[in-house]
Amino acid sequence: VLQDAEGLKLAIDAMLAELEGVDFDVVVGT
């Protein structure tokens, strides 16, 4: 996924879509 520009963009876009309408202040990544 990471090695393909389209795959990476699709992954980030999909995760961003999950955040539509969510009220939050910070992103925490493990």
Full PDB file with SEQRES, HELIX, SHEET, SSBOND, CRYST1, ORIGX, SCALE, CONECT and MASTER records, all heavy atoms in Angstrom:
SEQRES   1 A   30  VAL LEU GLN ASP ALA GLU GLY LEU LYS LEU ALA ILE ASP          
SEQRES   2 A   30  ALA MET LEU ALA GLU LEU GLU GLY VAL ASP PHE ASP VAL          
SEQRES   3 A   30  VAL VAL GLY THR                                              
HELIX    1 AA1 ALA A    5  ALA A   17  1                                  13    
CRYST1    1.000    1.000    1.000  90.00  90.00  90.00 P 1           1          
ORIGX1      1.000000  0.000000  0.000000        0.00000                         
ORIGX2      0.000000  1.000000  0.000000        0.00000                         
ORIGX3      0.000000  0.000000  1.000000        0.00000                         
SCALE1      1.000000  0.000000  0.000000        0.00000                         
SCALE2      0.000000  1.000000  0.000000        0.00000                         
SCALE3      0.000000  0.000000  1.000000        0.00000                         
ATOM      1  N   VAL A   1       0.856  -1.194   0.000  1.00  0.00           N  
ATOM      2  CA  VAL A   1       0.000   0.000   0.000  1.00  0.00           C  
ATOM      3  C   VAL A   1       0.890   1.241   0.000  1.00  0.00           C  
ATOM      4  O   VAL A   1       0.686   2.181  -0.775  1.00  0.00           O  
ATOM      5  CB  VAL A   1      -0.942   0.031   1.233  1.00  0.00           C  
ATOM      6  CG1 VAL A   1      -1.715   1.343   1.299  1.00  0.00           C  
ATOM      7  CG2 VAL A   1      -1.887  -1.163   1.236  1.00  0.00           C  
ATOM      8  N   LEU A   2       1.888   1.236   0.863  1.00  0.00           N  
ATOM      9  CA  LEU A   2       2.773   2.389   1.026  1.00  0.00           C  
ATOM     10  C   LEU A   2       3.641   2.644  -0.204  1.00  0.00           C  
ATOM     11  O   LEU A   2       3.952   3.793  -0.511  1.00  0.00           O  
ATOM     12  CB  LEU A   2       3.682   2.191   2.247  1.00  0.00           C  
ATOM     13  CG  LEU A   2       2.959   1.961   3.577  1.00  0.00           C  
ATOM     14  CD1 LEU A   2       3.976   1.645   4.666  1.00  0.00           C  
ATOM     15  CD2 LEU A   2       2.097   3.143   3.940  1.00  0.00           C  
ATOM     16  N   GLN A   3       4.035   1.593  -0.887  1.00  0.00           N  
ATOM     17  CA  GLN A   3       4.931   1.700  -2.039  1.00  0.00           C  
ATOM     18  C   GLN A   3       4.232   2.192  -3.301  1.00  0.00           C  
ATOM     19  O   GLN A   3       4.892   2.466  -4.302  1.00  0.00           O  
ATOM     20  CB  GLN A   3       5.569   0.336  -2.342  1.00  0.00           C  
ATOM     21  CG  GLN A   3       6.538  -0.118  -1.310  1.00  0.00           C  
ATOM     22  CD  GLN A   3       6.964  -1.567  -1.456  1.00  0.00           C  
ATOM     23  OE1 GLN A   3       7.583  -2.081  -0.553  1.00  0.00           O  
ATOM     24  NE2 GLN A   3       6.652  -2.224  -2.540  1.00  0.00           N  
ATOM     25  N   ASP A   4       2.935   2.284  -3.267  1.00  0.00           N  
ATOM     26  CA  ASP A   4       2.171   2.716  -4.430  1.00  0.00           C  
ATOM     27  C   ASP A   4       1.519   4.057  -4.106  1.00  0.00           C  
ATOM     28  O   ASP A   4       0.742   4.159  -3.150  1.00  0.00           O  
ATOM     29  CB  ASP A   4       1.106   1.661  -4.756  1.00  0.00           C  
ATOM     30  CG  ASP A   4       0.392   1.964  -6.042  1.00  0.00           C  
ATOM     31  OD1 ASP A   4      -0.426   2.909  -6.060  1.00  0.00           O  
ATOM     32  OD2 ASP A   4       0.649   1.261  -7.037  1.00  0.00           O  
ATOM     33  N   ALA A   5       1.832   5.093  -4.869  1.00  0.00           N  
ATOM     34  CA  ALA A   5       1.316   6.433  -4.578  1.00  0.00           C  
ATOM     35  C   ALA A   5      -0.212   6.448  -4.513  1.00  0.00           C  
ATOM     36  O   ALA A   5      -0.795   7.067  -3.622  1.00  0.00           O  
ATOM     37  CB  ALA A   5       1.816   7.428  -5.623  1.00  0.00           C  
ATOM     38  N   GLU A   6      -0.856   5.757  -5.435  1.00  0.00           N  
ATOM     39  CA  GLU A   6      -2.327   5.719  -5.438  1.00  0.00           C  
ATOM     40  C   GLU A   6      -2.851   4.968  -4.216  1.00  0.00           C  
ATOM     41  O   GLU A   6      -3.827   5.383  -3.587  1.00  0.00           O  
ATOM     42  CB  GLU A   6      -2.839   5.062  -6.723  1.00  0.00           C  
ATOM     43  CG  GLU A   6      -4.347   5.076  -6.837  1.00  0.00           C  
ATOM     44  CD  GLU A   6      -4.838   4.421  -8.119  1.00  0.00           C  
ATOM     45  OE1 GLU A   6      -4.336   4.785  -9.203  1.00  0.00           O  
ATOM     46  OE2 GLU A   6      -5.722   3.558  -8.021  1.00  0.00           O  
ATOM     47  N   GLY A   7      -2.204   3.864  -3.854  1.00  0.00           N  
ATOM     48  CA  GLY A   7      -2.621   3.088  -2.689  1.00  0.00           C  
ATOM     49  C   GLY A   7      -2.475   3.888  -1.402  1.00  0.00           C  
ATOM     50  O   GLY A   7      -3.370   3.879  -0.548  1.00  0.00           O  
ATOM     51  N   LEU A   8      -1.362   4.583  -1.263  1.00  0.00           N  
ATOM     52  CA  LEU A   8      -1.134   5.398  -0.075  1.00  0.00           C  
ATOM     53  C   LEU A   8      -2.164   6.526   0.012  1.00  0.00           C  
ATOM     54  O   LEU A   8      -2.750   6.766   1.069  1.00  0.00           O  
ATOM     55  CB  LEU A   8       0.288   5.967  -0.081  1.00  0.00           C  
ATOM     56  CG  LEU A   8       0.643   6.880   1.085  1.00  0.00           C  
ATOM     57  CD1 LEU A   8       0.472   6.183   2.427  1.00  0.00           C  
ATOM     58  CD2 LEU A   8       2.068   7.395   0.923  1.00  0.00           C  
ATOM     59  N   LYS A   9      -2.400   7.191  -1.098  1.00  0.00           N  
ATOM     60  CA  LYS A   9      -3.395   8.275  -1.114  1.00  0.00           C  
ATOM     61  C   LYS A   9      -4.779   7.743  -0.771  1.00  0.00           C  
ATOM     62  O   LYS A   9      -5.510   8.344   0.020  1.00  0.00           O  
ATOM     63  CB  LYS A   9      -3.406   8.969  -2.479  1.00  0.00           C  
ATOM     64  CG  LYS A   9      -4.366  10.154  -2.531  1.00  0.00           C  
ATOM     65  CD  LYS A   9      -4.254  10.913  -3.829  1.00  0.00           C  
ATOM     66  CE  LYS A   9      -5.143  12.118  -3.928  1.00  0.00           C  
ATOM     67  NZ  LYS A   9      -6.171  12.338  -2.979  1.00  0.00           N  
ATOM     68  N   LEU A  10      -5.124   6.609  -1.322  1.00  0.00           N  
ATOM     69  CA  LEU A  10      -6.419   5.987  -1.052  1.00  0.00           C  
ATOM     70  C   LEU A  10      -6.555   5.637   0.436  1.00  0.00           C  
ATOM     71  O   LEU A  10      -7.608   5.871   1.043  1.00  0.00           O  
ATOM     72  CB  LEU A  10      -6.572   4.733  -1.916  1.00  0.00           C  
ATOM     73  CG  LEU A  10      -7.937   4.101  -2.008  1.00  0.00           C  
ATOM     74  CD1 LEU A  10      -8.972   5.057  -2.561  1.00  0.00           C  
ATOM     75  CD2 LEU A  10      -7.857   2.852  -2.888  1.00  0.00           C  
ATOM     76  N   ALA A  11      -5.495   5.115   1.038  1.00  0.00           N  
ATOM     77  CA  ALA A  11      -5.519   4.755   2.464  1.00  0.00           C  
ATOM     78  C   ALA A  11      -5.747   5.993   3.329  1.00  0.00           C  
ATOM     79  O   ALA A  11      -6.610   5.988   4.218  1.00  0.00           O  
ATOM     80  CB  ALA A  11      -4.218   4.055   2.859  1.00  0.00           C  
ATOM     81  N   ILE A  12      -4.995   7.046   3.061  1.00  0.00           N  
ATOM     82  CA  ILE A  12      -5.138   8.279   3.847  1.00  0.00           C  
ATOM     83  C   ILE A  12      -6.516   8.899   3.622  1.00  0.00           C  
ATOM     84  O   ILE A  12      -7.191   9.302   4.570  1.00  0.00           O  
ATOM     85  CB  ILE A  12      -4.013   9.285   3.515  1.00  0.00           C  
ATOM     86  CG1 ILE A  12      -2.636   8.693   3.828  1.00  0.00           C  
ATOM     87  CG2 ILE A  12      -4.232  10.603   4.246  1.00  0.00           C  
ATOM     88  CD1 ILE A  12      -2.417   8.285   5.260  1.00  0.00           C  
ATOM     89  N   ASP A  13      -6.953   8.955   2.366  1.00  0.00           N  
ATOM     90  CA  ASP A  13      -8.276   9.517   2.057  1.00  0.00           C  
ATOM     91  C   ASP A  13      -9.392   8.741   2.755  1.00  0.00           C  
ATOM     92  O   ASP A  13     -10.346   9.339   3.262  1.00  0.00           O  
ATOM     93  CB  ASP A  13      -8.531   9.536   0.553  1.00  0.00           C  
ATOM     94  CG  ASP A  13      -7.725  10.599  -0.175  1.00  0.00           C  
ATOM     95  OD1 ASP A  13      -7.112  11.461   0.491  1.00  0.00           O  
ATOM     96  OD2 ASP A  13      -7.697  10.558  -1.426  1.00  0.00           O  
ATOM     97  N   ALA A  14      -9.282   7.426   2.794  1.00  0.00           N  
ATOM     98  CA  ALA A  14     -10.301   6.602   3.448  1.00  0.00           C  
ATOM     99  C   ALA A  14     -10.342   6.877   4.945  1.00  0.00           C  
ATOM    100  O   ALA A  14     -11.421   6.989   5.542  1.00  0.00           O  
ATOM    101  CB  ALA A  14     -10.025   5.120   3.191  1.00  0.00           C  
ATOM    102  N   MET A  15      -9.181   7.016   5.549  1.00  0.00           N  
ATOM    103  CA  MET A  15      -9.126   7.289   6.983  1.00  0.00           C  
ATOM    104  C   MET A  15      -9.637   8.701   7.282  1.00  0.00           C  
ATOM    105  O   MET A  15     -10.344   8.921   8.267  1.00  0.00           O  
ATOM    106  CB  MET A  15      -7.715   7.041   7.509  1.00  0.00           C  
ATOM    107  CG  MET A  15      -7.331   5.560   7.403  1.00  0.00           C  
ATOM    108  SD  MET A  15      -5.614   5.218   7.793  1.00  0.00           S  
ATOM    109  CE  MET A  15      -5.798   4.607   9.468  1.00  0.00           C  
ATOM    110  N   LEU A  16      -9.294   9.646   6.415  1.00  0.00           N  
ATOM    111  CA  LEU A  16      -9.806  11.013   6.574  1.00  0.00           C  
ATOM    112  C   LEU A  16     -11.332  11.040   6.467  1.00  0.00           C  
ATOM    113  O   LEU A  16     -12.006  11.758   7.213  1.00  0.00           O  
ATOM    114  CB  LEU A  16      -9.195  11.943   5.523  1.00  0.00           C  
ATOM    115  CG  LEU A  16      -7.769  12.397   5.774  1.00  0.00           C  
ATOM    116  CD1 LEU A  16      -7.180  13.056   4.534  1.00  0.00           C  
ATOM    117  CD2 LEU A  16      -7.699  13.337   6.967  1.00  0.00           C  
ATOM    118  N   ALA A  17     -11.884  10.260   5.554  1.00  0.00           N  
ATOM    119  CA  ALA A  17     -13.340  10.212   5.383  1.00  0.00           C  
ATOM    120  C   ALA A  17     -14.025   9.724   6.651  1.00  0.00           C  
ATOM    121  O   ALA A  17     -15.127  10.171   6.983  1.00  0.00           O  
ATOM    122  CB  ALA A  17     -13.702   9.318   4.195  1.00  0.00           C  
ATOM    123  N   GLU A  18     -13.363   8.844   7.394  1.00  0.00           N  
ATOM    124  CA  GLU A  18     -13.919   8.344   8.659  1.00  0.00           C  
ATOM    125  C   GLU A  18     -13.998   9.440   9.725  1.00  0.00           C  
ATOM    126  O   GLU A  18     -14.683   9.282  10.722  1.00  0.00           O  
ATOM    127  CB  GLU A  18     -13.089   7.174   9.193  1.00  0.00           C  
ATOM    128  CG  GLU A  18     -13.371   5.867   8.517  1.00  0.00           C  
ATOM    129  CD  GLU A  18     -14.765   5.334   8.814  1.00  0.00           C  
ATOM    130  OE1 GLU A  18     -15.367   5.719   9.837  1.00  0.00           O  
ATOM    131  OE2 GLU A  18     -15.259   4.530   8.013  1.00  0.00           O  
ATOM    132  N   LEU A  19     -13.254  10.526   9.517  1.00  0.00           N  
ATOM    133  CA  LEU A  19     -13.225  11.597  10.510  1.00  0.00           C  
ATOM    134  C   LEU A  19     -14.169  12.752  10.192  1.00  0.00           C  
ATOM    135  O   LEU A  19     -14.247  13.703  10.975  1.00  0.00           O  
ATOM    136  CB  LEU A  19     -11.792  12.122  10.670  1.00  0.00           C  
ATOM    137  CG  LEU A  19     -10.846  11.127  11.330  1.00  0.00           C  
ATOM    138  CD1 LEU A  19      -9.423  11.642  11.299  1.00  0.00           C  
ATOM    139  CD2 LEU A  19     -11.302  10.839  12.750  1.00  0.00           C  
ATOM    140  N   GLU A  20     -14.876  12.671   9.083  1.00  0.00           N  
ATOM    141  CA  GLU A  20     -15.828  13.726   8.741  1.00  0.00           C  
ATOM    142  C   GLU A  20     -16.860  13.852   9.851  1.00  0.00           C  
ATOM    143  O   GLU A  20     -17.454  12.865  10.279  1.00  0.00           O  
ATOM    144  CB  GLU A  20     -16.496  13.424   7.394  1.00  0.00           C  
ATOM    145  CG  GLU A  20     -15.556  13.613   6.226  1.00  0.00           C  
ATOM    146  CD  GLU A  20     -16.190  13.263   4.893  1.00  0.00           C  
ATOM    147  OE1 GLU A  20     -17.436  13.147   4.808  1.00  0.00           O  
ATOM    148  OE2 GLU A  20     -15.424  13.090   3.934  1.00  0.00           O  
ATOM    149  N   GLY A  21     -17.021  15.061  10.360  1.00  0.00           N  
ATOM    150  CA  GLY A  21     -17.985  15.323  11.410  1.00  0.00           C  
ATOM    151  C   GLY A  21     -17.523  14.995  12.820  1.00  0.00           C  
ATOM    152  O   GLY A  21     -18.278  15.187  13.768  1.00  0.00           O  
ATOM    153  N   VAL A  22     -16.297  14.484  12.973  1.00  0.00           N  
ATOM    154  CA  VAL A  22     -15.780  14.165  14.310  1.00  0.00           C  
ATOM    155  C   VAL A  22     -15.073  15.399  14.866  1.00  0.00           C  
ATOM    156  O   VAL A  22     -14.196  15.965  14.221  1.00  0.00           O  
ATOM    157  CB  VAL A  22     -14.800  12.965  14.255  1.00  0.00           C  
ATOM    158  CG1 VAL A  22     -14.218  12.685  15.635  1.00  0.00           C  
ATOM    159  CG2 VAL A  22     -15.494  11.727  13.688  1.00  0.00           C  
ATOM    160  N   ASP A  23     -15.447  15.789  16.064  1.00  0.00           N  
ATOM    161  CA  ASP A  23     -14.845  16.941  16.733  1.00  0.00           C  
ATOM    162  C   ASP A  23     -13.687  16.443  17.599  1.00  0.00           C  
ATOM    163  O   ASP A  23     -13.901  15.668  18.535  1.00  0.00           O  
ATOM    164  CB  ASP A  23     -15.902  17.629  17.606  1.00  0.00           C  
ATOM    165  CG  ASP A  23     -15.340  18.807  18.386  1.00  0.00           C  
ATOM    166  OD1 ASP A  23     -14.364  19.436  17.925  1.00  0.00           O  
ATOM    167  OD2 ASP A  23     -15.879  19.081  19.475  1.00  0.00           O  
ATOM    168  N   PHE A  24     -12.459  16.855  17.272  1.00  0.00           N  
ATOM    169  CA  PHE A  24     -11.301  16.422  18.042  1.00  0.00           C  
ATOM    170  C   PHE A  24     -10.188  17.452  17.944  1.00  0.00           C  
ATOM    171  O   PHE A  24     -10.194  18.311  17.079  1.00  0.00           O  
ATOM    172  CB  PHE A  24     -10.818  15.042  17.597  1.00  0.00           C  
ATOM    173  CG  PHE A  24     -10.234  15.001  16.215  1.00  0.00           C  
ATOM    174  CD1 PHE A  24      -8.858  15.027  16.022  1.00  0.00           C  
ATOM    175  CD2 PHE A  24     -11.056  14.930  15.099  1.00  0.00           C  
ATOM    176  CE1 PHE A  24      -8.324  14.981  14.749  1.00  0.00           C  
ATOM    177  CE2 PHE A  24     -10.520  14.884  13.823  1.00  0.00           C  
ATOM    178  CZ  PHE A  24      -9.149  14.912  13.644  1.00  0.00           C  
ATOM    179  N   ASP A  25      -9.227  17.324  18.878  1.00  0.00           N  
ATOM    180  CA  ASP A  25      -8.129  18.288  18.979  1.00  0.00           C  
ATOM    181  C   ASP A  25      -6.783  17.760  18.503  1.00  0.00           C  
ATOM    182  O   ASP A  25      -5.967  18.517  17.984  1.00  0.00           O  
ATOM    183  CB  ASP A  25      -7.965  18.735  20.446  1.00  0.00           C  
ATOM    184  CG  ASP A  25      -9.252  19.304  21.009  1.00  0.00           C  
ATOM    185  OD1 ASP A  25      -9.792  20.245  20.403  1.00  0.00           O  
ATOM    186  OD2 ASP A  25      -9.721  18.792  22.045  1.00  0.00           O  
ATOM    187  N   VAL A  26      -6.509  16.467  18.742  1.00  0.00           N  
ATOM    188  CA  VAL A  26      -5.190  15.898  18.444  1.00  0.00           C  
ATOM    189  C   VAL A  26      -5.328  14.523  17.813  1.00  0.00           C  
ATOM    190  O   VAL A  26      -6.325  13.823  18.027  1.00  0.00           O  
ATOM    191  CB  VAL A  26      -4.309  15.779  19.714  1.00  0.00           C  
ATOM    192  CG1 VAL A  26      -4.037  17.136  20.339  1.00  0.00           C  
ATOM    193  CG2 VAL A  26      -4.909  14.830  20.726  1.00  0.00           C  
ATOM    194  N   VAL A  27      -4.294  14.153  17.053  1.00  0.00           N  
ATOM    195  CA  VAL A  27      -4.182  12.809  16.493  1.00  0.00           C  
ATOM    196  C   VAL A  27      -3.063  12.110  17.245  1.00  0.00           C  
ATOM    197  O   VAL A  27      -1.959  12.652  17.364  1.00  0.00           O  
ATOM    198  CB  VAL A  27      -3.851  12.848  14.983  1.00  0.00           C  
ATOM    199  CG1 VAL A  27      -3.625  11.434  14.445  1.00  0.00           C  
ATOM    200  CG2 VAL A  27      -4.957  13.553  14.205  1.00  0.00           C  
ATOM    201  N   VAL A  28      -3.346  10.924  17.766  1.00  0.00           N  
ATOM    202  CA  VAL A  28      -2.348  10.118  18.466  1.00  0.00           C  
ATOM    203  C   VAL A  28      -2.101   8.864  17.641  1.00  0.00           C  
ATOM    204  O   VAL A  28      -3.042   8.140  17.307  1.00  0.00           O  
ATOM    205  CB  VAL A  28      -2.830   9.724  19.881  1.00  0.00           C  
ATOM    206  CG1 VAL A  28      -1.771   8.888  20.596  1.00  0.00           C  
ATOM    207  CG2 VAL A  28      -3.190  10.959  20.700  1.00  0.00           C  
ATOM    208  N   GLY A  29      -0.837   8.624  17.297  1.00  0.00           N  
ATOM    209  CA  GLY A  29      -0.478   7.441  16.527  1.00  0.00           C  
ATOM    210  C   GLY A  29       0.438   6.544  17.326  1.00  0.00           C  
ATOM    211  O   GLY A  29       1.332   7.024  18.025  1.00  0.00           O  
ATOM    212  N   THR A  30       0.203   5.238  17.234  1.00  0.00           N  
ATOM    213  CA  THR A  30       1.038   4.277  17.946  1.00  0.00           C  
ATOM    214  C   THR A  30       2.230   3.870  17.091  1.00  0.00           C  
ATOM    215  O   THR A  30       2.125   3.772  15.865  1.00  0.00           O  
ATOM    216  CB  THR A  30       0.229   3.030  18.350  1.00  0.00           C  
ATOM    217  OG1 THR A  30      -0.405   2.507  17.192  1.00  0.00           O  
ATOM    218  CG2 THR A  30      -0.818   3.367  19.388  1.00  0.00           C  
TER     219      THR A  30                                                      
MASTER        0    0    0    1    0    0    0    6  218    1    0    3          
END                                                                             
